[in-house]
Amino acid sequence: MTPDAKPAPPDPRHVKEERPVLRAVDVEVRQGKSHLLPRTSLEVHPGKVAVAVGQPGGGHAALALALAGRIHLDHGSVTLGGDTNITLLQ
């Protein structure tokens, strides 16, 4: 291989797909008629970092609280390592 040659991409048949360690599916949090967190989904895979970005008041804190099991979900689910008992994060 020459110094400027690029290695071939991995064969997709041999790439191990890792399950996410944290998964939120259609989570939604409301307070009265106000949406603190509009429906949101995310997956965090082993060794990866997830960042919530957006406008102030966009639900970042509500998302963090929902992922930690510290706030009631009006819709959706959160799993940690495949387990729905997310109180392990508390």
C-alpha atoms as a PDB file:
ATOM      1  CA  MET A   1       0.000   0.000   0.000  1.00  0.00           C
ATOM      2  CA  THR A   2       1.411   3.392  -0.948  1.00  0.00           C
ATOM      3  CA  PRO A   3       1.508   6.176   1.699  1.00  0.00           C
ATOM      4  CA  ASP A   4      -1.389   8.058   0.066  1.00  0.00           C
ATOM      5  CA  ALA A   5      -3.541   4.973  -0.573  1.00  0.00           C
ATOM      6  CA  LYS A   6      -6.725   4.623   1.451  1.00  0.00           C
ATOM      7  CA  PRO A   7      -7.641   1.303   3.080  1.00  0.00           C
ATOM      8  CA  ALA A   8     -10.682  -0.475   1.718  1.00  0.00           C
ATOM      9  CA  PRO A   9     -13.897   0.066   3.701  1.00  0.00           C
ATOM     10  CA  PRO A  10     -14.911  -2.843   5.945  1.00  0.00           C
ATOM     11  CA  ASP A  11     -17.090  -5.519   4.438  1.00  0.00           C
ATOM     12  CA  PRO A  12     -20.630  -4.788   5.764  1.00  0.00           C
ATOM     13  CA  ARG A  13     -21.218  -8.534   6.193  1.00  0.00           C
ATOM     14  CA  HIS A  14     -18.504  -8.617   8.863  1.00  0.00           C
ATOM     15  CA  VAL A  15     -19.243  -5.386  10.739  1.00  0.00           C
ATOM     16  CA  LYS A  16     -20.687  -6.104  14.162  1.00  0.00           C
ATOM     17  CA  GLU A  17     -23.630  -3.809  14.842  1.00  0.00           C
ATOM     18  CA  GLU A  18     -23.667  -2.863  18.502  1.00  0.00           C
ATOM     19  CA  ARG A  19     -26.919  -2.322  20.342  1.00  0.00           C
ATOM     20  CA  PRO A  20     -27.370   1.144  21.828  1.00  0.00           C
ATOM     21  CA  VAL A  21     -26.652   1.426  25.543  1.00  0.00           C
ATOM     22  CA  LEU A  22     -29.298   4.115  25.909  1.00  0.00           C
ATOM     23  CA  ARG A  23     -32.407   4.420  23.758  1.00  0.00           C
ATOM     24  CA  ALA A  24     -35.292   6.874  23.945  1.00  0.00           C
ATOM     25  CA  VAL A  25     -38.233   6.343  21.592  1.00  0.00           C
ATOM     26  CA  ASP A  26     -40.824   9.079  21.048  1.00  0.00           C
ATOM     27  CA  VAL A  27     -40.369  10.522  24.548  1.00  0.00           C
ATOM     28  CA  GLU A  28     -42.591  13.495  25.324  1.00  0.00           C
ATOM     29  CA  VAL A  29     -42.985  15.531  28.496  1.00  0.00           C
ATOM     30  CA  ARG A  30     -45.810  17.984  29.119  1.00  0.00           C
ATOM     31  CA  GLN A  31     -46.734  20.300  31.932  1.00  0.00           C
ATOM     32  CA  GLY A  32     -50.389  21.120  31.557  1.00  0.00           C
ATOM     33  CA  LYS A  33     -50.884  22.104  27.935  1.00  0.00           C
ATOM     34  CA  SER A  34     -47.237  23.114  27.475  1.00  0.00           C
ATOM     35  CA  HIS A  35     -44.709  20.774  25.898  1.00  0.00           C
ATOM     36  CA  LEU A  36     -41.528  20.773  27.966  1.00  0.00           C
ATOM     37  CA  LEU A  37     -40.113  18.208  25.554  1.00  0.00           C
ATOM     38  CA  PRO A  38     -41.724  17.570  22.163  1.00  0.00           C
ATOM     39  CA  ARG A  39     -41.554  13.963  20.914  1.00  0.00           C
ATOM     40  CA  THR A  40     -37.905  13.042  20.647  1.00  0.00           C
ATOM     41  CA  SER A  41     -35.990   9.852  19.890  1.00  0.00           C
ATOM     42  CA  LEU A  42     -32.301   9.088  20.272  1.00  0.00           C
ATOM     43  CA  GLU A  43     -29.820   6.249  20.579  1.00  0.00           C
ATOM     44  CA  VAL A  44     -26.425   6.326  22.257  1.00  0.00           C
ATOM     45  CA  HIS A  45     -24.058   3.548  21.195  1.00  0.00           C
ATOM     46  CA  PRO A  46     -21.073   2.218  23.194  1.00  0.00           C
ATOM     47  CA  GLY A  47     -18.112   4.586  23.083  1.00  0.00           C
ATOM     48  CA  LYS A  48     -20.145   7.401  21.521  1.00  0.00           C
ATOM     49  CA  VAL A  49     -21.284  10.749  22.878  1.00  0.00           C
ATOM     50  CA  ALA A  50     -24.659  12.385  22.278  1.00  0.00           C
ATOM     51  CA  VAL A  51     -25.222  16.125  22.550  1.00  0.00           C
ATOM     52  CA  ALA A  52     -28.542  17.967  22.686  1.00  0.00           C
ATOM     53  CA  VAL A  53     -28.411  21.259  20.801  1.00  0.00           C
ATOM     54  CA  GLY A  54     -31.040  23.840  20.035  1.00  0.00           C
ATOM     55  CA  GLN A  55     -32.729  27.006  21.146  1.00  0.00           C
ATOM     56  CA  PRO A  56     -32.949  27.947  24.833  1.00  0.00           C
ATOM     57  CA  GLY A  57     -36.159  26.516  26.233  1.00  0.00           C
ATOM     58  CA  GLY A  58     -36.081  23.701  23.680  1.00  0.00           C
ATOM     59  CA  GLY A  59     -36.308  20.917  26.256  1.00  0.00           C
ATOM     60  CA  HIS A  60     -32.656  20.072  26.956  1.00  0.00           C
ATOM     61  CA  ALA A  61     -33.151  19.865  30.733  1.00  0.00           C
ATOM     62  CA  ALA A  62     -36.428  17.950  30.341  1.00  0.00           C
ATOM     63  CA  LEU A  63     -34.645  15.467  28.049  1.00  0.00           C
ATOM     64  CA  ALA A  64     -31.855  14.917  30.581  1.00  0.00           C
ATOM     65  CA  LEU A  65     -34.376  14.444  33.389  1.00  0.00           C
ATOM     66  CA  ALA A  66     -36.455  12.062  31.259  1.00  0.00           C
ATOM     67  CA  LEU A  67     -33.403   9.982  30.327  1.00  0.00           C
ATOM     68  CA  ALA A  68     -32.475   9.729  34.009  1.00  0.00           C
ATOM     69  CA  GLY A  69     -35.981   8.678  35.014  1.00  0.00           C
ATOM     70  CA  ARG A  70     -36.416  11.789  37.143  1.00  0.00           C
ATOM     71  CA  ILE A  71     -39.443  13.184  35.315  1.00  0.00           C
ATOM     72  CA  HIS A  72     -42.697  11.549  34.206  1.00  0.00           C
ATOM     73  CA  LEU A  73     -42.966  10.694  30.508  1.00  0.00           C
ATOM     74  CA  ASP A  74     -46.296  11.538  28.904  1.00  0.00           C
ATOM     75  CA  HIS A  75     -45.389   9.383  25.935  1.00  0.00           C
ATOM     76  CA  GLY A  76     -42.594   7.082  24.797  1.00  0.00           C
ATOM     77  CA  SER A  77     -40.040   4.887  26.499  1.00  0.00           C
ATOM     78  CA  VAL A  78     -36.425   4.918  27.656  1.00  0.00           C
ATOM     79  CA  THR A  79     -34.234   1.840  27.941  1.00  0.00           C
ATOM     80  CA  LEU A  80     -30.772   1.525  29.446  1.00  0.00           C
ATOM     81  CA  GLY A  81     -28.849  -1.496  28.202  1.00  0.00           C
ATOM     82  CA  GLY A  82     -32.130  -3.028  27.079  1.00  0.00           C
ATOM     83  CA  ASP A  83     -33.688  -2.596  30.547  1.00  0.00           C
ATOM     84  CA  THR A  84     -36.651  -0.285  31.085  1.00  0.00           C
ATOM     85  CA  ASN A  85     -35.631   0.238  34.746  1.00  0.00           C
ATOM     86  CA  ILE A  86     -33.752   3.458  34.034  1.00  0.00           C
ATOM     87  CA  THR A  87     -33.551   4.335  37.732  1.00  0.00           C
ATOM     88  CA  LEU A  88     -30.066   2.793  37.485  1.00  0.00           C
ATOM     89  CA  LEU A  89     -28.952   6.227  36.239  1.00  0.00           C
ATOM     90  CA  GLN A  90     -30.109   7.987  39.414  1.00  0.00           C
END
